[in-house]
Amino acid sequence: MTGKKKKAWTKQDALLCIPEKNTGVEELFLDGGDLVLSFPVTYKPFFMRLRRFLRSDPKSTFRRKIQLDRLGADVWSLLDGKRDVKTVIREFAGRHGLDNKEAEISVTHFLRSLGQKGLIRIRER
């Protein structure tokens, strides 16, 4: 088996990556600053077979919703496809009076969660 091994990212490499919103995500802003994100999710194969067996709607996807508080909505608003993670952290820290380390931990955890749900992708510079 031939092929190149992927180089492990360093922390600095990760901070220079650019988070981009998934284009399939719909945004609904609520009073009070919260934000509801609606996004498509594909049924797992087991549930597709069960749906066919029960003669349910044959759609292979459904929409899931997640509600972000004001802080989450603020991070989401900073994801413009141009700012790198480091810049998002710095701007978030400045807006909320946090030190960079505290903001780094919170924002990177939040971005990881968004990525696992398929709401964002991370692009290398």
PDB file of N, CA and C in Angstrom:
ATOM      1  N   MET A   1       0.845  -1.172   0.000  1.00  0.00           N
ATOM      2  CA  MET A   1       0.000   0.000   0.000  1.00  0.00           C
ATOM      3  C   MET A   1       0.889   1.232   0.000  1.00  0.00           C
ATOM      4  N   THR A   2       0.729   2.058  -0.989  1.00  0.00           N
ATOM      5  CA  THR A   2       1.550   3.260  -1.067  1.00  0.00           C
ATOM      6  C   THR A   2       0.679   4.472  -0.823  1.00  0.00           C
ATOM      7  N   GLY A   3       1.310   5.531  -0.474  1.00  0.00           N
ATOM      8  CA  GLY A   3       0.589   6.770  -0.230  1.00  0.00           C
ATOM      9  C   GLY A   3       1.298   7.563   0.839  1.00  0.00           C
ATOM     10  N   LYS A   4       1.030   8.841   0.813  1.00  0.00           N
ATOM     11  CA  LYS A   4       1.658   9.700   1.803  1.00  0.00           C
ATOM     12  C   LYS A   4       0.850   9.703   3.088  1.00  0.00           C
ATOM     13  N   LYS A   5       1.564   9.671   4.189  1.00  0.00           N
ATOM     14  CA  LYS A   5       0.913   9.825   5.484  1.00  0.00           C
ATOM     15  C   LYS A   5       0.617  11.302   5.682  1.00  0.00           C
ATOM     16  N   LYS A   6      -0.522  11.573   6.252  1.00  0.00           N
ATOM     17  CA  LYS A   6      -0.852  12.961   6.542  1.00  0.00           C
ATOM     18  C   LYS A   6      -0.005  13.438   7.711  1.00  0.00           C
ATOM     19  N   LYS A   7       0.496  14.645   7.557  1.00  0.00           N
ATOM     20  CA  LYS A   7       1.292  15.259   8.609  1.00  0.00           C
ATOM     21  C   LYS A   7       0.362  15.654   9.756  1.00  0.00           C
ATOM     22  N   ALA A   8       0.771  15.345  10.967  1.00  0.00           N
ATOM     23  CA  ALA A   8      -0.016  15.730  12.139  1.00  0.00           C
ATOM     24  C   ALA A   8       0.021  17.250  12.289  1.00  0.00           C
ATOM     25  N   TRP A   9      -1.132  17.821  12.579  1.00  0.00           N
ATOM     26  CA  TRP A   9      -1.207  19.265  12.754  1.00  0.00           C
ATOM     27  C   TRP A   9      -0.645  19.661  14.109  1.00  0.00           C
ATOM     28  N   THR A  10       0.028  20.774  14.130  1.00  0.00           N
ATOM     29  CA  THR A  10       0.429  21.373  15.390  1.00  0.00           C
ATOM     30  C   THR A  10      -0.693  22.314  15.826  1.00  0.00           C
ATOM     31  N   LYS A  11      -0.595  22.800  17.034  1.00  0.00           N
ATOM     32  CA  LYS A  11      -1.594  23.752  17.522  1.00  0.00           C
ATOM     33  C   LYS A  11      -1.600  24.992  16.635  1.00  0.00           C
ATOM     34  N   GLN A  12      -0.414  25.465  16.244  1.00  0.00           N
ATOM     35  CA  GLN A  12      -0.330  26.653  15.393  1.00  0.00           C
ATOM     36  C   GLN A  12      -0.961  26.408  14.022  1.00  0.00           C
ATOM     37  N   ASP A  13      -0.760  25.200  13.466  1.00  0.00           N
ATOM     38  CA  ASP A  13      -1.389  24.858  12.187  1.00  0.00           C
ATOM     39  C   ASP A  13      -2.912  24.953  12.309  1.00  0.00           C
ATOM     40  N   ALA A  14      -3.447  24.399  13.387  1.00  0.00           N
ATOM     41  CA  ALA A  14      -4.891  24.388  13.595  1.00  0.00           C
ATOM     42  C   ALA A  14      -5.436  25.809  13.765  1.00  0.00           C
ATOM     43  N   LEU A  15      -4.711  26.657  14.469  1.00  0.00           N
ATOM     44  CA  LEU A  15      -5.168  28.029  14.692  1.00  0.00           C
ATOM     45  C   LEU A  15      -5.162  28.861  13.412  1.00  0.00           C
ATOM     46  N   LEU A  16      -4.388  28.448  12.428  1.00  0.00           N
ATOM     47  CA  LEU A  16      -4.321  29.181  11.162  1.00  0.00           C
ATOM     48  C   LEU A  16      -5.344  28.695  10.136  1.00  0.00           C
ATOM     49  N   CYS A  17      -6.086  27.635  10.463  1.00  0.00           N
ATOM     50  CA  CYS A  17      -7.116  27.130   9.562  1.00  0.00           C
ATOM     51  C   CYS A  17      -8.329  28.059   9.571  1.00  0.00           C
ATOM     52  N   ILE A  18      -9.111  27.957   8.512  1.00  0.00           N
ATOM     53  CA  ILE A  18     -10.266  28.834   8.348  1.00  0.00           C
ATOM     54  C   ILE A  18     -11.552  28.017   8.454  1.00  0.00           C
ATOM     55  N   PRO A  19     -12.381  28.311   9.468  1.00  0.00           N
ATOM     56  CA  PRO A  19     -13.671  27.617   9.571  1.00  0.00           C
ATOM     57  C   PRO A  19     -14.681  28.229   8.600  1.00  0.00           C
ATOM     58  N   GLU A  20     -15.412  27.351   7.905  1.00  0.00           N
ATOM     59  CA  GLU A  20     -16.425  27.801   6.943  1.00  0.00           C
ATOM     60  C   GLU A  20     -17.765  27.166   7.281  1.00  0.00           C
ATOM     61  N   LYS A  21     -18.828  27.957   7.203  1.00  0.00           N
ATOM     62  CA  LYS A  21     -20.175  27.464   7.474  1.00  0.00           C
ATOM     63  C   LYS A  21     -20.609  26.508   6.361  1.00  0.00           C
ATOM     64  N   ASN A  22     -21.339  25.485   6.737  1.00  0.00           N
ATOM     65  CA  ASN A  22     -21.966  24.584   5.775  1.00  0.00           C
ATOM     66  C   ASN A  22     -23.089  25.365   5.093  1.00  0.00           C
ATOM     67  N   THR A  23     -23.123  25.335   3.763  1.00  0.00           N
ATOM     68  CA  THR A  23     -24.117  26.121   3.030  1.00  0.00           C
ATOM     69  C   THR A  23     -25.546  25.609   3.225  1.00  0.00           C
ATOM     70  N   GLY A  24     -25.716  24.387   3.715  1.00  0.00           N
ATOM     71  CA  GLY A  24     -27.046  23.836   3.942  1.00  0.00           C
ATOM     72  C   GLY A  24     -27.670  24.261   5.254  1.00  0.00           C
ATOM     73  N   VAL A  25     -26.947  25.051   6.046  1.00  0.00           N
ATOM     74  CA  VAL A  25     -27.446  25.479   7.356  1.00  0.00           C
ATOM     75  C   VAL A  25     -28.327  26.717   7.188  1.00  0.00           C
ATOM     76  N   GLU A  26     -29.519  26.666   7.777  1.00  0.00           N
ATOM     77  CA  GLU A  26     -30.417  27.819   7.778  1.00  0.00           C
ATOM     78  C   GLU A  26     -30.371  28.461   9.162  1.00  0.00           C
ATOM     79  N   GLU A  27     -30.407  29.794   9.191  1.00  0.00           N
ATOM     80  CA  GLU A  27     -30.301  30.552  10.430  1.00  0.00           C
ATOM     81  C   GLU A  27     -31.624  31.239  10.747  1.00  0.00           C
ATOM     82  N   LEU A  28     -32.019  31.201  12.016  1.00  0.00           N
ATOM     83  CA  LEU A  28     -33.208  31.909  12.479  1.00  0.00           C
ATOM     84  C   LEU A  28     -32.831  32.636  13.769  1.00  0.00           C
ATOM     85  N   PHE A  29     -32.807  33.963  13.712  1.00  0.00           N
ATOM     86  CA  PHE A  29     -32.458  34.757  14.881  1.00  0.00           C
ATOM     87  C   PHE A  29     -33.688  34.981  15.745  1.00  0.00           C
ATOM     88  N   LEU A  30     -33.529  34.756  17.038  1.00  0.00           N
ATOM     89  CA  LEU A  30     -34.626  34.914  17.995  1.00  0.00           C
ATOM     90  C   LEU A  30     -34.431  36.193  18.795  1.00  0.00           C
ATOM     91  N   ASP A  31     -35.524  36.682  19.380  1.00  0.00           N
ATOM     92  CA  ASP A  31     -35.418  37.818  20.295  1.00  0.00           C
ATOM     93  C   ASP A  31     -34.511  37.414  21.447  1.00  0.00           C
ATOM     94  N   GLY A  32     -33.709  38.330  21.914  1.00  0.00           N
ATOM     95  CA  GLY A  32     -32.816  38.039  23.027  1.00  0.00           C
ATOM     96  C   GLY A  32     -31.423  37.626  22.581  1.00  0.00           C
ATOM     97  N   GLY A  33     -31.197  37.510  21.278  1.00  0.00           N
ATOM     98  CA  GLY A  33     -29.862  37.220  20.787  1.00  0.00           C
ATOM     99  C   GLY A  33     -29.557  35.773  20.483  1.00  0.00           C
ATOM    100  N   ASP A  34     -30.466  34.858  20.821  1.00  0.00           N
ATOM    101  CA  ASP A  34     -30.233  33.445  20.504  1.00  0.00           C
ATOM    102  C   ASP A  34     -30.379  33.213  18.995  1.00  0.00           C
ATOM    103  N   LEU A  35     -29.831  32.114  18.543  1.00  0.00           N
ATOM    104  CA  LEU A  35     -29.853  31.761  17.130  1.00  0.00           C
ATOM    105  C   LEU A  35     -30.182  30.287  16.995  1.00  0.00           C
ATOM    106  N   VAL A  36     -31.126  29.949  16.117  1.00  0.00           N
ATOM    107  CA  VAL A  36     -31.464  28.555  15.841  1.00  0.00           C
ATOM    108  C   VAL A  36     -30.877  28.199  14.481  1.00  0.00           C
ATOM    109  N   LEU A  37     -30.081  27.124  14.464  1.00  0.00           N
ATOM    110  CA  LEU A  37     -29.510  26.616  13.220  1.00  0.00           C
ATOM    111  C   LEU A  37     -30.268  25.354  12.840  1.00  0.00           C
ATOM    112  N   SER A  38     -30.715  25.287  11.608  1.00  0.00           N
ATOM    113  CA  SER A  38     -31.411  24.123  11.087  1.00  0.00           C
ATOM    114  C   SER A  38     -30.541  23.536   9.992  1.00  0.00           C
ATOM    115  N   PHE A  39     -30.299  22.213  10.062  1.00  0.00           N
ATOM    116  CA  PHE A  39     -29.376  21.605   9.106  1.00  0.00           C
ATOM    117  C   PHE A  39     -29.827  20.198   8.736  1.00  0.00           C
ATOM    118  N   PRO A  40     -29.501  19.789   7.501  1.00  0.00           N
ATOM    119  CA  PRO A  40     -29.919  18.459   7.046  1.00  0.00           C
ATOM    120  C   PRO A  40     -29.068  17.357   7.674  1.00  0.00           C
ATOM    121  N   VAL A  41     -29.720  16.254   8.009  1.00  0.00           N
ATOM    122  CA  VAL A  41     -29.052  15.088   8.570  1.00  0.00           C
ATOM    123  C   VAL A  41     -29.539  13.870   7.793  1.00  0.00           C
ATOM    124  N   THR A  42     -28.636  12.969   7.474  1.00  0.00           N
ATOM    125  CA  THR A  42     -28.979  11.757   6.745  1.00  0.00           C
ATOM    126  C   THR A  42     -29.326  10.647   7.732  1.00  0.00           C
ATOM    127  N   TYR A  43     -30.408   9.930   7.438  1.00  0.00           N
ATOM    128  CA  TYR A  43     -30.780   8.794   8.275  1.00  0.00           C
ATOM    129  C   TYR A  43     -29.685   7.729   8.200  1.00  0.00           C
ATOM    130  N   LYS A  44     -29.455   7.041   9.293  1.00  0.00           N
ATOM    131  CA  LYS A  44     -28.543   5.896   9.320  1.00  0.00           C
ATOM    132  C   LYS A  44     -29.187   4.761   8.513  1.00  0.00           C
ATOM    133  N   PRO A  45     -28.369   3.872   7.918  1.00  0.00           N
ATOM    134  CA  PRO A  45     -28.914   2.797   7.082  1.00  0.00           C
ATOM    135  C   PRO A  45     -29.987   1.944   7.780  1.00  0.00           C
ATOM    136  N   PHE A  46     -29.790   1.643   9.060  1.00  0.00           N
ATOM    137  CA  PHE A  46     -30.785   0.850   9.787  1.00  0.00           C
ATOM    138  C   PHE A  46     -32.153   1.534   9.772  1.00  0.00           C
ATOM    139  N   PHE A  47     -32.162   2.837  10.043  1.00  0.00           N
ATOM    140  CA  PHE A  47     -33.420   3.570  10.093  1.00  0.00           C
ATOM    141  C   PHE A  47     -34.041   3.727   8.711  1.00  0.00           C
ATOM    142  N   MET A  48     -33.217   3.798   7.670  1.00  0.00           N
ATOM    143  CA  MET A  48     -33.751   3.842   6.299  1.00  0.00           C
ATOM    144  C   MET A  48     -34.498   2.537   5.998  1.00  0.00           C
ATOM    145  N   ARG A  49     -33.889   1.400   6.353  1.00  0.00           N
ATOM    146  CA  ARG A  49     -34.548   0.110   6.130  1.00  0.00           C
ATOM    147  C   ARG A  49     -35.850   0.025   6.929  1.00  0.00           C
ATOM    148  N   LEU A  50     -35.818   0.495   8.167  1.00  0.00           N
ATOM    149  CA  LEU A  50     -37.012   0.482   9.009  1.00  0.00           C
ATOM    150  C   LEU A  50     -38.101   1.367   8.404  1.00  0.00           C
ATOM    151  N   ARG A  51     -37.735   2.525   7.907  1.00  0.00           N
ATOM    152  CA  ARG A  51     -38.705   3.431   7.279  1.00  0.00           C
ATOM    153  C   ARG A  51     -39.328   2.786   6.041  1.00  0.00           C
ATOM    154  N   ARG A  52     -38.493   2.103   5.238  1.00  0.00           N
ATOM    155  CA  ARG A  52     -39.025   1.424   4.054  1.00  0.00           C
ATOM    156  C   ARG A  52     -39.990   0.301   4.468  1.00  0.00           C
ATOM    157  N   PHE A  53     -39.601  -0.446   5.502  1.00  0.00           N
ATOM    158  CA  PHE A  53     -40.424  -1.542   5.992  1.00  0.00           C
ATOM    159  C   PHE A  53     -41.792  -1.031   6.465  1.00  0.00           C
ATOM    160  N   LEU A  54     -41.771   0.100   7.147  1.00  0.00           N
ATOM    161  CA  LEU A  54     -43.007   0.687   7.667  1.00  0.00           C
ATOM    162  C   LEU A  54     -43.732   1.532   6.618  1.00  0.00           C
ATOM    163  N   ARG A  55     -43.168   1.554   5.412  1.00  0.00           N
ATOM    164  CA  ARG A  55     -43.722   2.329   4.306  1.00  0.00           C
ATOM    165  C   ARG A  55     -43.880   3.810   4.663  1.00  0.00           C
ATOM    166  N   SER A  56     -42.894   4.309   5.368  1.00  0.00           N
ATOM    167  CA  SER A  56     -42.893   5.728   5.727  1.00  0.00           C
ATOM    168  C   SER A  56     -42.358   6.547   4.566  1.00  0.00           C
ATOM    169  N   ASP A  57     -42.365   7.818   4.764  1.00  0.00           N
ATOM    170  CA  ASP A  57     -41.832   8.756   3.790  1.00  0.00           C
ATOM    171  C   ASP A  57     -40.431   8.304   3.379  1.00  0.00           C
ATOM    172  N   PRO A  58     -40.162   8.158   2.092  1.00  0.00           N
ATOM    173  CA  PRO A  58     -38.877   7.610   1.652  1.00  0.00           C
ATOM    174  C   PRO A  58     -37.698   8.598   1.683  1.00  0.00           C
ATOM    175  N   LYS A  59     -37.912   9.782   2.196  1.00  0.00           N
ATOM    176  CA  LYS A  59     -36.809  10.750   2.238  1.00  0.00           C
ATOM    177  C   LYS A  59     -35.635  10.165   3.006  1.00  0.00           C
ATOM    178  N   SER A  60     -34.430  10.463   2.533  1.00  0.00           N
ATOM    179  CA  SER A  60     -33.243   9.930   3.201  1.00  0.00           C
ATOM    180  C   SER A  60     -32.644  10.931   4.188  1.00  0.00           C
ATOM    181  N   THR A  61     -33.200  12.143   4.251  1.00  0.00           N
ATOM    182  CA  THR A  61     -32.688  13.145   5.183  1.00  0.00           C
ATOM    183  C   THR A  61     -33.834  13.778   5.963  1.00  0.00           C
ATOM    184  N   PHE A  62     -33.464  14.407   7.050  1.00  0.00           N
ATOM    185  CA  PHE A  62     -34.401  15.206   7.831  1.00  0.00           C
ATOM    186  C   PHE A  62     -33.611  16.399   8.358  1.00  0.00           C
ATOM    187  N   ARG A  63     -34.290  17.370   8.923  1.00  0.00           N
ATOM    188  CA  ARG A  63     -33.609  18.566   9.424  1.00  0.00           C
ATOM    189  C   ARG A  63     -33.567  18.510  10.954  1.00  0.00           C
ATOM    190  N   ARG A  64     -32.418  18.802  11.469  1.00  0.00           N
ATOM    191  CA  ARG A  64     -32.222  18.877  12.916  1.00  0.00           C
ATOM    192  C   ARG A  64     -32.000  20.344  13.259  1.00  0.00           C
ATOM    193  N   LYS A  65     -32.366  20.724  14.461  1.00  0.00           N
ATOM    194  CA  LYS A  65     -32.190  22.110  14.896  1.00  0.00           C
ATOM    195  C   LYS A  65     -31.341  22.141  16.155  1.00  0.00           C
ATOM    196  N   ILE A  66     -30.558  23.199  16.253  1.00  0.00           N
ATOM    197  CA  ILE A  66     -29.751  23.435  17.442  1.00  0.00           C
ATOM    198  C   ILE A  66     -29.861  24.920  17.768  1.00  0.00           C
ATOM    199  N   GLN A  67     -30.049  25.231  19.050  1.00  0.00           N
ATOM    200  CA  GLN A  67     -30.177  26.624  19.460  1.00  0.00           C
ATOM    201  C   GLN A  67     -28.890  27.072  20.130  1.00  0.00           C
ATOM    202  N   LEU A  68     -28.352  28.187  19.646  1.00  0.00           N
ATOM    203  CA  LEU A  68     -27.140  28.767  20.212  1.00  0.00           C
ATOM    204  C   LEU A  68     -27.512  29.963  21.081  1.00  0.00           C
ATOM    205  N   ASP A  69     -26.842  30.098  22.211  1.00  0.00           N
ATOM    206  CA  ASP A  69     -27.051  31.279  23.039  1.00  0.00           C
ATOM    207  C   ASP A  69     -26.311  32.462  22.393  1.00  0.00           C
ATOM    208  N   ARG A  70     -26.329  33.612  23.074  1.00  0.00           N
ATOM    209  CA  ARG A  70     -25.703  34.811  22.513  1.00  0.00           C
ATOM    210  C   ARG A  70     -24.219  34.608  22.225  1.00  0.00           C
ATOM    211  N   LEU A  71     -23.512  33.888  23.103  1.00  0.00           N
ATOM    212  CA  LEU A  71     -22.072  33.677  22.891  1.00  0.00           C
ATOM    213  C   LEU A  71     -21.830  32.776  21.682  1.00  0.00           C
ATOM    214  N   GLY A  72     -22.610  31.707  21.580  1.00  0.00           N
ATOM    215  CA  GLY A  72     -22.485  30.821  20.422  1.00  0.00           C
ATOM    216  C   GLY A  72     -22.837  31.540  19.131  1.00  0.00           C
ATOM    217  N   ALA A  73     -23.903  32.348  19.188  1.00  0.00           N
ATOM    218  CA  ALA A  73     -24.310  33.119  18.011  1.00  0.00           C
ATOM    219  C   ALA A  73     -23.229  34.115  17.615  1.00  0.00           C
ATOM    220  N   ASP A  74     -22.530  34.659  18.602  1.00  0.00           N
ATOM    221  CA  ASP A  74     -21.454  35.609  18.315  1.00  0.00           C
ATOM    222  C   ASP A  74     -20.298  34.908  17.595  1.00  0.00           C
ATOM    223  N   VAL A  75     -19.911  33.732  18.075  1.00  0.00           N
ATOM    224  CA  VAL A  75     -18.854  32.972  17.381  1.00  0.00           C
ATOM    225  C   VAL A  75     -19.322  32.647  15.972  1.00  0.00           C
ATOM    226  N   TRP A  76     -20.570  32.184  15.828  1.00  0.00           N
ATOM    227  CA  TRP A  76     -21.117  31.837  14.512  1.00  0.00           C
ATOM    228  C   TRP A  76     -21.021  33.027  13.551  1.00  0.00           C
ATOM    229  N   SER A  77     -21.316  34.232  14.077  1.00  0.00           N
ATOM    230  CA  SER A  77     -21.284  35.431  13.227  1.00  0.00           C
ATOM    231  C   SER A  77     -19.865  35.767  12.755  1.00  0.00           C
ATOM    232  N   LEU A  78     -18.872  35.306  13.494  1.00  0.00           N
ATOM    233  CA  LEU A  78     -17.475  35.573  13.115  1.00  0.00           C
ATOM    234  C   LEU A  78     -16.966  34.614  12.031  1.00  0.00           C
ATOM    235  N   LEU A  79     -17.715  33.562  11.743  1.00  0.00           N
ATOM    236  CA  LEU A  79     -17.297  32.572  10.760  1.00  0.00           C
ATOM    237  C   LEU A  79     -17.718  33.041   9.369  1.00  0.00           C
ATOM    238  N   ASP A  80     -16.840  33.777   8.713  1.00  0.00           N
ATOM    239  CA  ASP A  80     -17.155  34.344   7.404  1.00  0.00           C
ATOM    240  C   ASP A  80     -16.383  33.693   6.260  1.00  0.00           C
ATOM    241  N   GLY A  81     -15.604  32.652   6.565  1.00  0.00           N
ATOM    242  CA  GLY A  81     -14.823  31.990   5.527  1.00  0.00           C
ATOM    243  C   GLY A  81     -13.532  32.711   5.198  1.00  0.00           C
ATOM    244  N   LYS A  82     -13.260  33.802   5.892  1.00  0.00           N
ATOM    245  CA  LYS A  82     -12.030  34.578   5.672  1.00  0.00           C
ATOM    246  C   LYS A  82     -11.147  34.602   6.921  1.00  0.00           C
ATOM    247  N   ARG A  83     -11.780  34.680   8.083  1.00  0.00           N
ATOM    248  CA  ARG A  83     -11.031  34.738   9.341  1.00  0.00           C
ATOM    249  C   ARG A  83     -10.514  33.344   9.696  1.00  0.00           C
ATOM    250  N   ASP A  84      -9.281  33.293  10.177  1.00  0.00           N
ATOM    251  CA  ASP A  84      -8.763  32.029  10.684  1.00  0.00           C
ATOM    252  C   ASP A  84      -9.196  31.859  12.135  1.00  0.00           C
ATOM    253  N   VAL A  85      -8.972  30.684  12.683  1.00  0.00           N
ATOM    254  CA  VAL A  85      -9.411  30.372  14.045  1.00  0.00           C
ATOM    255  C   VAL A  85      -8.781  31.342  15.042  1.00  0.00           C
ATOM    256  N   LYS A  86      -7.520  31.650  14.851  1.00  0.00           N
ATOM    257  CA  LYS A  86      -6.811  32.559  15.764  1.00  0.00           C
ATOM    258  C   LYS A  86      -7.488  33.934  15.797  1.00  0.00           C
ATOM    259  N   THR A  87      -7.890  34.438  14.639  1.00  0.00           N
ATOM    260  CA  THR A  87      -8.561  35.736  14.566  1.00  0.00           C
ATOM    261  C   THR A  87      -9.933  35.679  15.215  1.00  0.00           C
ATOM    262  N   VAL A  88     -10.664  34.597  14.995  1.00  0.00           N
ATOM    263  CA  VAL A  88     -11.976  34.428  15.626  1.00  0.00           C
ATOM    264  C   VAL A  88     -11.823  34.471  17.149  1.00  0.00           C
ATOM    265  N   ILE A  89     -10.827  33.763  17.653  1.00  0.00           N
ATOM    266  CA  ILE A  89     -10.574  33.736  19.097  1.00  0.00           C
ATOM    267  C   ILE A  89     -10.253  35.131  19.613  1.00  0.00           C
ATOM    268  N   ARG A  90      -9.367  35.819  18.935  1.00  0.00           N
ATOM    269  CA  ARG A  90      -8.945  37.160  19.367  1.00  0.00           C
ATOM    270  C   ARG A  90     -10.132  38.130  19.366  1.00  0.00           C
ATOM    271  N   GLU A  91     -10.949  38.101  18.311  1.00  0.00           N
ATOM    272  CA  GLU A  91     -12.093  39.019  18.242  1.00  0.00           C
ATOM    273  C   GLU A  91     -13.153  38.658  19.285  1.00  0.00           C
ATOM    274  N   PHE A  92     -13.392  37.373  19.493  1.00  0.00           N
ATOM    275  CA  PHE A  92     -14.347  36.940  20.514  1.00  0.00           C
ATOM    276  C   PHE A  92     -13.877  37.378  21.897  1.00  0.00           C
ATOM    277  N   ALA A  93     -12.596  37.193  22.185  1.00  0.00           N
ATOM    278  CA  ALA A  93     -12.046  37.602  23.486  1.00  0.00           C
ATOM    279  C   ALA A  93     -12.213  39.102  23.699  1.00  0.00           C
ATOM    280  N   GLY A  94     -11.923  39.883  22.662  1.00  0.00           N
ATOM    281  CA  GLY A  94     -12.058  41.337  22.764  1.00  0.00           C
ATOM    282  C   GLY A  94     -13.485  41.783  22.999  1.00  0.00           C
ATOM    283  N   ARG A  95     -14.438  41.148  22.339  1.00  0.00           N
ATOM    284  CA  ARG A  95     -15.853  41.519  22.478  1.00  0.00           C
ATOM    285  C   ARG A  95     -16.409  41.208  23.859  1.00  0.00           C
ATOM    286  N   HIS A  96     -15.855  40.163  24.495  1.00  0.00           N
ATOM    287  CA  HIS A  96     -16.440  39.686  25.756  1.00  0.00           C
ATOM    288  C   HIS A  96     -15.526  39.859  26.961  1.00  0.00           C
ATOM    289  N   GLY A  97     -14.433  40.580  26.785  1.00  0.00           N
ATOM    290  CA  GLY A  97     -13.543  40.866  27.909  1.00  0.00           C
ATOM    291  C   GLY A  97     -12.860  39.642  28.491  1.00  0.00           C
ATOM    292  N   LEU A  98     -12.529  38.675  27.641  1.00  0.00           N
ATOM    293  CA  LEU A  98     -11.859  37.451  28.092  1.00  0.00           C
ATOM    294  C   LEU A  98     -10.381  37.520  27.741  1.00  0.00           C
ATOM    295  N   ASP A  99      -9.564  36.768  28.500  1.00  0.00           N
ATOM    296  CA  ASP A  99      -8.172  36.664  28.058  1.00  0.00           C
ATOM    297  C   ASP A  99      -8.122  35.646  26.923  1.00  0.00           C
ATOM    298  N   ASN A 100      -7.076  35.732  26.105  1.00  0.00           N
ATOM    299  CA  ASN A 100      -6.995  34.901  24.906  1.00  0.00           C
ATOM    300  C   ASN A 100      -7.007  33.405  25.211  1.00  0.00           C
ATOM    301  N   LYS A 101      -6.389  32.981  26.299  1.00  0.00           N
ATOM    302  CA  LYS A 101      -6.335  31.554  26.629  1.00  0.00           C
ATOM    303  C   LYS A 101      -7.731  31.020  26.942  1.00  0.00           C
ATOM    304  N   GLU A 102      -8.473  31.769  27.747  1.00  0.00           N
ATOM    305  CA  GLU A 102      -9.833  31.368  28.097  1.00  0.00           C
ATOM    306  C   GLU A 102     -10.716  31.307  26.842  1.00  0.00           C
ATOM    307  N   ALA A 103     -10.596  32.327  25.988  1.00  0.00           N
ATOM    308  CA  ALA A 103     -11.374  32.351  24.744  1.00  0.00           C
ATOM    309  C   ALA A 103     -10.952  31.215  23.817  1.00  0.00           C
ATOM    310  N   GLU A 104      -9.650  30.915  23.772  1.00  0.00           N
ATOM    311  CA  GLU A 104      -9.154  29.839  22.906  1.00  0.00           C
ATOM    312  C   GLU A 104      -9.778  28.497  23.281  1.00  0.00           C
ATOM    313  N   ILE A 105      -9.819  28.217  24.560  1.00  0.00           N
ATOM    314  CA  ILE A 105     -10.388  26.945  25.023  1.00  0.00           C
ATOM    315  C   ILE A 105     -11.868  26.863  24.658  1.00  0.00           C
ATOM    316  N   SER A 106     -12.616  27.920  24.938  1.00  0.00           N
ATOM    317  CA  SER A 106     -14.058  27.921  24.671  1.00  0.00           C
ATOM    318  C   SER A 106     -14.364  27.851  23.176  1.00  0.00           C
ATOM    319  N   VAL A 107     -13.705  28.689  22.392  1.00  0.00           N
ATOM    320  CA  VAL A 107     -13.997  28.766  20.964  1.00  0.00           C
ATOM    321  C   VAL A 107     -13.568  27.490  20.246  1.00  0.00           C
ATOM    322  N   THR A 108     -12.399  26.952  20.562  1.00  0.00           N
ATOM    323  CA  THR A 108     -11.965  25.737  19.864  1.00  0.00           C
ATOM    324  C   THR A 108     -12.858  24.551  20.217  1.00  0.00           C
ATOM    325  N   HIS A 109     -13.306  24.472  21.463  1.00  0.00           N
ATOM    326  CA  HIS A 109     -14.240  23.410  21.852  1.00  0.00           C
ATOM    327  C   HIS A 109     -15.554  23.555  21.080  1.00  0.00           C
ATOM    328  N   PHE A 110     -16.045  24.779  20.988  1.00  0.00           N
ATOM    329  CA  PHE A 110     -17.283  25.060  20.276  1.00  0.00           C
ATOM    330  C   PHE A 110     -17.149  24.731  18.784  1.00  0.00           C
ATOM    331  N   LEU A 111     -16.029  25.139  18.166  1.00  0.00           N
ATOM    332  CA  LEU A 111     -15.816  24.846  16.748  1.00  0.00           C
ATOM    333  C   LEU A 111     -15.724  23.344  16.502  1.00  0.00           C
ATOM    334  N   ARG A 112     -15.069  22.629  17.406  1.00  0.00           N
ATOM    335  CA  ARG A 112     -14.976  21.168  17.276  1.00  0.00           C
ATOM    336  C   ARG A 112     -16.377  20.555  17.293  1.00  0.00           C
ATOM    337  N   SER A 113     -17.235  21.045  18.192  1.00  0.00           N
ATOM    338  CA  SER A 113     -18.604  20.555  18.291  1.00  0.00           C
ATOM    339  C   SER A 113     -19.387  20.850  17.004  1.00  0.00           C
ATOM    340  N   LEU A 114     -19.238  22.049  16.467  1.00  0.00           N
ATOM    341  CA  LEU A 114     -19.909  22.395  15.214  1.00  0.00           C
ATOM    342  C   LEU A 114     -19.422  21.512  14.072  1.00  0.00           C
ATOM    343  N   GLY A 115     -18.132  21.235  14.052  1.00  0.00           N
ATOM    344  CA  GLY A 115     -17.559  20.380  13.015  1.00  0.00           C
ATOM    345  C   GLY A 115     -18.072  18.956  13.103  1.00  0.00           C
ATOM    346  N   GLN A 116     -18.194  18.429  14.309  1.00  0.00           N
ATOM    347  CA  GLN A 116     -18.698  17.062  14.489  1.00  0.00           C
ATOM    348  C   GLN A 116     -20.146  16.926  14.033  1.00  0.00           C
ATOM    349  N   LYS A 117     -20.896  18.010  14.135  1.00  0.00           N
ATOM    350  CA  LYS A 117     -22.294  17.996  13.702  1.00  0.00           C
ATOM    351  C   LYS A 117     -22.422  18.279  12.201  1.00  0.00           C
ATOM    352  N   GLY A 118     -21.330  18.631  11.568  1.00  0.00           N
ATOM    353  CA  GLY A 118     -21.353  18.920  10.134  1.00  0.00           C
ATOM    354  C   GLY A 118     -21.801  20.333   9.797  1.00  0.00           C
ATOM    355  N   LEU A 119     -21.815  21.226  10.781  1.00  0.00           N
ATOM    356  CA  LEU A 119     -22.258  22.602  10.550  1.00  0.00           C
ATOM    357  C   LEU A 119     -21.158  23.468   9.946  1.00  0.00           C
ATOM    358  N   ILE A 120     -19.921  23.091  10.174  1.00  0.00           N
ATOM    359  CA  ILE A 120     -18.796  23.818   9.598  1.00  0.00           C
ATOM    360  C   ILE A 120     -17.782  22.815   9.053  1.00  0.00           C
ATOM    361  N   ARG A 121     -16.902  23.316   8.220  1.00  0.00           N
ATOM    362  CA  ARG A 121     -15.741  22.545   7.817  1.00  0.00           C
ATOM    363  C   ARG A 121     -14.530  23.434   8.055  1.00  0.00           C
ATOM    364  N   ILE A 122     -13.385  22.803   8.239  1.00  0.00           N
ATOM    365  CA  ILE A 122     -12.155  23.550   8.493  1.00  0.00           C
ATOM    366  C   ILE A 122     -11.280  23.418   7.247  1.00  0.00           C
ATOM    367  N   ARG A 123     -10.889  24.586   6.728  1.00  0.00           N
ATOM    368  CA  ARG A 123     -10.061  24.630   5.518  1.00  0.00           C
ATOM    369  C   ARG A 123      -8.660  25.106   5.882  1.00  0.00           C
ATOM    370  N   GLU A 124      -7.670  24.401   5.346  1.00  0.00           N
ATOM    371  CA  GLU A 124      -6.299  24.852   5.564  1.00  0.00           C
ATOM    372  C   GLU A 124      -6.039  26.098   4.746  1.00  0.00           C
ATOM    373  N   ARG A 125      -5.206  26.935   5.265  1.00  0.00           N
ATOM    374  CA  ARG A 125      -4.816  28.161   4.568  1.00  0.00           C
ATOM    375  C   ARG A 125      -4.015  27.843   3.355  1.00  0.00           C
TER     376      ARG A 125
END
